Amino acid sequence: MPHRQRHDPSKNLVGFVVGDVEYAVNIARVKEITNPLLIVPLPHPPRSVAGVADFRGEVIPVVDLRARFGLPAAPSTRKTKWIVVDVSSRLVALVADAVTEVFGTGGAELRPAPSLGGGDDLRGIAGVTSHGAGLVFVLDTARLRELTDPLAASGKIGPGAPPLSLPPGSMP
């Protein structure tokens, strides 16, 4: 009988890269890591919302982390992944340049993110931890509600959302 590897409870973060910076989210919030799906644009979305996608029958917002962190757009590559996270019982896809690994903080508490002045609240960083040779910024996924709540209230995502359709002239 083959040996099955058990989940290591000390590995509580999923690491990923956006630009040249390493980030992570709490593994308990991650529903799935997937290849990018077709994005349907929304009229007048928040700046960092690329649009919505049909994820297993549910219309979910797609957050472009490059836009959220003020980085220039980059084309998708084979390494581009979506990290689908649970934000207050609502799924959100985070677009990452690459997913790196599952790791832990080694029992250490997260350190506070440095205060950099205006716009700190927009970053949504829960804290910082050390991993490998550098620092990793851990996202506060609850802060994504600021993006998803208005979309849900307008009926663009969630159970009452209309079925997705491609804009005229789009190709699947």
C-alpha atoms as a PDB file:
ATOM      1  CA  MET A   1       0.000   0.000   0.000  1.00  0.00           C
ATOM      2  CA  PRO A   2       1.523   3.378  -0.982  1.00  0.00           C
ATOM      3  CA  HIS A   3       2.350   5.804   1.807  1.00  0.00           C
ATOM      4  CA  ARG A   4       0.017   8.825   1.813  1.00  0.00           C
ATOM      5  CA  GLN A   5       1.417  12.118   2.920  1.00  0.00           C
ATOM      6  CA  ARG A   6      -0.636  13.781   5.635  1.00  0.00           C
ATOM      7  CA  HIS A   7      -1.429  17.448   5.807  1.00  0.00           C
ATOM      8  CA  ASP A   8       1.208  19.260   7.829  1.00  0.00           C
ATOM      9  CA  PRO A   9      -0.652  21.689  10.148  1.00  0.00           C
ATOM     10  CA  SER A  10       2.481  23.818  10.467  1.00  0.00           C
ATOM     11  CA  LYS A  11       2.173  24.690   6.762  1.00  0.00           C
ATOM     12  CA  ASN A  12      -0.566  27.293   6.943  1.00  0.00           C
ATOM     13  CA  LEU A  13       0.236  29.644   4.029  1.00  0.00           C
ATOM     14  CA  VAL A  14       0.010  29.375   0.243  1.00  0.00           C
ATOM     15  CA  GLY A  15       2.817  31.391  -1.347  1.00  0.00           C
ATOM     16  CA  PHE A  16       2.659  33.214  -4.661  1.00  0.00           C
ATOM     17  CA  VAL A  17       4.441  35.918  -6.614  1.00  0.00           C
ATOM     18  CA  VAL A  18       3.108  39.168  -8.066  1.00  0.00           C
ATOM     19  CA  GLY A  19       5.788  41.092  -9.919  1.00  0.00           C
ATOM     20  CA  ASP A  20       9.008  40.585  -7.977  1.00  0.00           C
ATOM     21  CA  VAL A  21       7.356  40.375  -4.548  1.00  0.00           C
ATOM     22  CA  GLU A  22       6.367  37.268  -2.609  1.00  0.00           C
ATOM     23  CA  TYR A  23       2.931  37.102  -1.000  1.00  0.00           C
ATOM     24  CA  ALA A  24       0.863  34.483   0.770  1.00  0.00           C
ATOM     25  CA  VAL A  25      -2.700  33.790   1.891  1.00  0.00           C
ATOM     26  CA  ASN A  26      -3.899  31.626   4.735  1.00  0.00           C
ATOM     27  CA  ILE A  27      -4.422  28.097   3.429  1.00  0.00           C
ATOM     28  CA  ALA A  28      -7.708  27.838   5.340  1.00  0.00           C
ATOM     29  CA  ARG A  29      -9.152  30.488   2.985  1.00  0.00           C
ATOM     30  CA  VAL A  30      -7.998  28.765  -0.227  1.00  0.00           C
ATOM     31  CA  LYS A  31     -10.698  26.790  -2.007  1.00  0.00           C
ATOM     32  CA  GLU A  32      -8.685  25.888  -5.102  1.00  0.00           C
ATOM     33  CA  ILE A  33      -5.742  26.884  -7.285  1.00  0.00           C
ATOM     34  CA  THR A  34      -6.632  26.820 -10.963  1.00  0.00           C
ATOM     35  CA  ASN A  35      -5.515  27.905 -14.375  1.00  0.00           C
ATOM     36  CA  PRO A  36      -7.110  31.175 -15.546  1.00  0.00           C
ATOM     37  CA  LEU A  37     -10.640  30.987 -16.917  1.00  0.00           C
ATOM     38  CA  LEU A  38     -12.478  33.248 -19.334  1.00  0.00           C
ATOM     39  CA  ILE A  39     -13.073  36.682 -17.773  1.00  0.00           C
ATOM     40  CA  VAL A  40     -16.210  38.639 -18.625  1.00  0.00           C
ATOM     41  CA  PRO A  41     -15.657  42.378 -18.130  1.00  0.00           C
ATOM     42  CA  LEU A  42     -18.042  44.403 -15.981  1.00  0.00           C
ATOM     43  CA  PRO A  43     -19.094  47.979 -16.639  1.00  0.00           C
ATOM     44  CA  HIS A  44     -17.408  50.396 -14.200  1.00  0.00           C
ATOM     45  CA  PRO A  45     -15.770  47.836 -11.890  1.00  0.00           C
ATOM     46  CA  PRO A  46     -13.372  48.788  -9.095  1.00  0.00           C
ATOM     47  CA  ARG A  47      -9.892  49.348 -10.581  1.00  0.00           C
ATOM     48  CA  SER A  48      -8.468  46.023  -9.436  1.00  0.00           C
ATOM     49  CA  VAL A  49     -11.438  43.874 -10.500  1.00  0.00           C
ATOM     50  CA  ALA A  50     -10.668  42.439 -13.941  1.00  0.00           C
ATOM     51  CA  GLY A  51     -14.225  41.163 -14.331  1.00  0.00           C
ATOM     52  CA  VAL A  52     -16.129  38.056 -13.363  1.00  0.00           C
ATOM     53  CA  ALA A  53     -15.823  34.390 -14.289  1.00  0.00           C
ATOM     54  CA  ASP A  54     -17.969  31.293 -14.149  1.00  0.00           C
ATOM     55  CA  PHE A  55     -16.245  29.111 -11.548  1.00  0.00           C
ATOM     56  CA  ARG A  56     -18.043  25.775 -11.210  1.00  0.00           C
ATOM     57  CA  GLY A  57     -21.418  27.407 -11.862  1.00  0.00           C
ATOM     58  CA  GLU A  58     -20.890  30.406  -9.583  1.00  0.00           C
ATOM     59  CA  VAL A  59     -20.208  33.916 -10.870  1.00  0.00           C
ATOM     60  CA  ILE A  60     -17.115  35.129  -8.998  1.00  0.00           C
ATOM     61  CA  PRO A  61     -15.111  38.348  -9.178  1.00  0.00           C
ATOM     62  CA  VAL A  62     -11.559  38.168 -10.483  1.00  0.00           C
ATOM     63  CA  VAL A  63      -9.110  40.452  -8.662  1.00  0.00           C
ATOM     64  CA  ASP A  64      -6.021  41.443 -10.635  1.00  0.00           C
ATOM     65  CA  LEU A  65      -3.372  41.675  -7.923  1.00  0.00           C
ATOM     66  CA  ARG A  66      -0.989  43.503 -10.272  1.00  0.00           C
ATOM     67  CA  ALA A  67      -3.558  46.312 -10.584  1.00  0.00           C
ATOM     68  CA  ARG A  68      -4.302  46.191  -6.846  1.00  0.00           C
ATOM     69  CA  PHE A  69      -0.622  46.709  -6.047  1.00  0.00           C
ATOM     70  CA  GLY A  70      -0.059  49.388  -8.689  1.00  0.00           C
ATOM     71  CA  LEU A  71       2.014  47.245 -11.061  1.00  0.00           C
ATOM     72  CA  PRO A  72       1.777  47.393 -14.857  1.00  0.00           C
ATOM     73  CA  ALA A  73      -0.314  44.754 -16.597  1.00  0.00           C
ATOM     74  CA  ALA A  74       1.521  41.656 -17.777  1.00  0.00           C
ATOM     75  CA  PRO A  75       0.432  38.963 -20.212  1.00  0.00           C
ATOM     76  CA  SER A  76      -0.659  35.622 -18.797  1.00  0.00           C
ATOM     77  CA  THR A  77       1.897  32.855 -18.964  1.00  0.00           C
ATOM     78  CA  ARG A  78       1.807  29.150 -18.211  1.00  0.00           C
ATOM     79  CA  LYS A  79       2.745  30.057 -14.638  1.00  0.00           C
ATOM     80  CA  THR A  80      -0.198  32.457 -14.161  1.00  0.00           C
ATOM     81  CA  LYS A  81      -2.654  30.963 -11.675  1.00  0.00           C
ATOM     82  CA  TRP A  82      -5.876  31.895  -9.971  1.00  0.00           C
ATOM     83  CA  ILE A  83      -6.065  31.370  -6.237  1.00  0.00           C
ATOM     84  CA  VAL A  84      -9.759  31.005  -5.425  1.00  0.00           C
ATOM     85  CA  VAL A  85     -10.322  32.144  -1.851  1.00  0.00           C
ATOM     86  CA  ASP A  86     -13.318  32.268   0.446  1.00  0.00           C
ATOM     87  CA  VAL A  87     -14.094  35.824   1.524  1.00  0.00           C
ATOM     88  CA  SER A  88     -16.987  35.825   3.992  1.00  0.00           C
ATOM     89  CA  SER A  89     -18.776  32.908   2.271  1.00  0.00           C
ATOM     90  CA  ARG A  90     -18.162  34.432  -1.163  1.00  0.00           C
ATOM     91  CA  LEU A  91     -15.549  33.125  -3.585  1.00  0.00           C
ATOM     92  CA  VAL A  92     -13.008  35.478  -5.177  1.00  0.00           C
ATOM     93  CA  ALA A  93     -10.268  34.618  -7.694  1.00  0.00           C
ATOM     94  CA  LEU A  94      -6.895  36.282  -7.104  1.00  0.00           C
ATOM     95  CA  VAL A  95      -4.699  36.482 -10.210  1.00  0.00           C
ATOM     96  CA  ALA A  96      -1.079  35.659  -9.318  1.00  0.00           C
ATOM     97  CA  ASP A  97       1.928  35.619 -11.637  1.00  0.00           C
ATOM     98  CA  ALA A  98       2.901  32.243 -10.152  1.00  0.00           C
ATOM     99  CA  VAL A  99       2.098  30.050  -7.152  1.00  0.00           C
ATOM    100  CA  THR A 100       5.228  29.017  -5.292  1.00  0.00           C
ATOM    101  CA  GLU A 101       4.654  26.646  -2.376  1.00  0.00           C
ATOM    102  CA  VAL A 102       2.781  25.830   0.801  1.00  0.00           C
ATOM    103  CA  PHE A 103       4.778  26.796   3.876  1.00  0.00           C
ATOM    104  CA  GLY A 104       4.397  27.910   7.473  1.00  0.00           C
ATOM    105  CA  THR A 105       5.551  30.672   9.751  1.00  0.00           C
ATOM    106  CA  GLY A 106       7.489  28.236  11.907  1.00  0.00           C
ATOM    107  CA  GLY A 107       5.230  29.084  14.849  1.00  0.00           C
ATOM    108  CA  ALA A 108       6.191  32.768  14.740  1.00  0.00           C
ATOM    109  CA  GLU A 109       3.544  35.458  14.767  1.00  0.00           C
ATOM    110  CA  LEU A 110       3.163  37.692  11.742  1.00  0.00           C
ATOM    111  CA  ARG A 111       5.046  40.949  12.069  1.00  0.00           C
ATOM    112  CA  PRO A 112       3.188  44.156  11.248  1.00  0.00           C
ATOM    113  CA  ALA A 113       3.586  45.472   7.705  1.00  0.00           C
ATOM    114  CA  PRO A 114       5.660  48.641   7.494  1.00  0.00           C
ATOM    115  CA  SER A 115       3.682  51.874   7.323  1.00  0.00           C
ATOM    116  CA  LEU A 116       4.408  53.536   4.012  1.00  0.00           C
ATOM    117  CA  GLY A 117       1.956  56.411   4.169  1.00  0.00           C
ATOM    118  CA  GLY A 118      -1.077  57.094   1.988  1.00  0.00           C
ATOM    119  CA  GLY A 119      -2.762  54.083   0.466  1.00  0.00           C
ATOM    120  CA  ASP A 120      -1.645  51.558   3.095  1.00  0.00           C
ATOM    121  CA  ASP A 121      -5.262  50.589   3.617  1.00  0.00           C
ATOM    122  CA  LEU A 122      -5.604  49.650  -0.066  1.00  0.00           C
ATOM    123  CA  ARG A 123      -2.865  47.039   0.088  1.00  0.00           C
ATOM    124  CA  GLY A 124      -4.702  44.766   2.536  1.00  0.00           C
ATOM    125  CA  ILE A 125      -1.571  43.292   4.091  1.00  0.00           C
ATOM    126  CA  ALA A 126      -2.242  41.363   7.321  1.00  0.00           C
ATOM    127  CA  GLY A 127       1.447  41.097   8.184  1.00  0.00           C
ATOM    128  CA  VAL A 128       4.905  39.996   7.160  1.00  0.00           C
ATOM    129  CA  THR A 129       6.796  36.767   7.739  1.00  0.00           C
ATOM    130  CA  SER A 130      10.235  35.507   6.769  1.00  0.00           C
ATOM    131  CA  HIS A 131      10.552  32.578   4.410  1.00  0.00           C
ATOM    132  CA  GLY A 132      13.614  31.339   2.583  1.00  0.00           C
ATOM    133  CA  ALA A 133      15.940  34.260   1.970  1.00  0.00           C
ATOM    134  CA  GLY A 134      13.320  37.002   2.063  1.00  0.00           C
ATOM    135  CA  LEU A 135      10.138  38.527   3.354  1.00  0.00           C
ATOM    136  CA  VAL A 136       6.631  37.401   2.442  1.00  0.00           C
ATOM    137  CA  PHE A 137       3.626  39.726   2.718  1.00  0.00           C
ATOM    138  CA  VAL A 138       0.532  37.888   3.961  1.00  0.00           C
ATOM    139  CA  LEU A 139      -2.738  39.201   2.517  1.00  0.00           C
ATOM    140  CA  ASP A 140      -5.769  39.939   4.648  1.00  0.00           C
ATOM    141  CA  THR A 141      -8.424  38.285   2.465  1.00  0.00           C
ATOM    142  CA  ALA A 142     -11.211  39.866   4.533  1.00  0.00           C
ATOM    143  CA  ARG A 143     -10.201  43.215   3.001  1.00  0.00           C
ATOM    144  CA  LEU A 144     -11.396  41.916  -0.374  1.00  0.00           C
ATOM    145  CA  ARG A 145     -14.961  42.399   0.862  1.00  0.00           C
ATOM    146  CA  GLU A 146     -14.480  46.079   0.023  1.00  0.00           C
ATOM    147  CA  LEU A 147     -14.390  44.993  -3.620  1.00  0.00           C
ATOM    148  CA  THR A 148     -16.968  42.214  -3.548  1.00  0.00           C
ATOM    149  CA  ASP A 149     -19.728  43.696  -1.390  1.00  0.00           C
ATOM    150  CA  PRO A 150     -20.653  46.445  -3.907  1.00  0.00           C
ATOM    151  CA  LEU A 151     -20.666  43.872  -6.731  1.00  0.00           C
ATOM    152  CA  ALA A 152     -22.927  41.555  -4.737  1.00  0.00           C
ATOM    153  CA  ALA A 153     -25.246  44.425  -3.759  1.00  0.00           C
ATOM    154  CA  SER A 154     -25.643  45.352  -7.424  1.00  0.00           C
ATOM    155  CA  GLY A 155     -26.440  41.740  -8.360  1.00  0.00           C
ATOM    156  CA  LYS A 156     -23.338  41.315 -10.566  1.00  0.00           C
ATOM    157  CA  ILE A 157     -22.039  38.361  -8.529  1.00  0.00           C
ATOM    158  CA  GLY A 158     -23.559  35.780  -6.230  1.00  0.00           C
ATOM    159  CA  PRO A 159     -26.722  33.681  -6.359  1.00  0.00           C
ATOM    160  CA  GLY A 160     -28.866  36.361  -8.033  1.00  0.00           C
ATOM    161  CA  ALA A 161     -26.303  37.180 -10.730  1.00  0.00           C
ATOM    162  CA  PRO A 162     -27.438  36.752 -14.336  1.00  0.00           C
ATOM    163  CA  PRO A 163     -25.755  34.062 -16.439  1.00  0.00           C
ATOM    164  CA  LEU A 164     -22.472  35.175 -17.954  1.00  0.00           C
ATOM    165  CA  SER A 165     -22.351  36.094 -21.604  1.00  0.00           C
ATOM    166  CA  LEU A 166     -19.473  37.258 -23.717  1.00  0.00           C
ATOM    167  CA  PRO A 167     -19.373  40.829 -24.957  1.00  0.00           C
ATOM    168  CA  PRO A 168     -20.029  41.209 -28.700  1.00  0.00           C
ATOM    169  CA  GLY A 169     -16.952  40.352 -30.761  1.00  0.00           C
ATOM    170  CA  SER A 170     -15.266  38.367 -27.956  1.00  0.00           C
ATOM    171  CA  MET A 171     -13.888  34.925 -28.491  1.00  0.00           C
ATOM    172  CA  PRO A 172     -14.006  32.239 -25.768  1.00  0.00           C
END
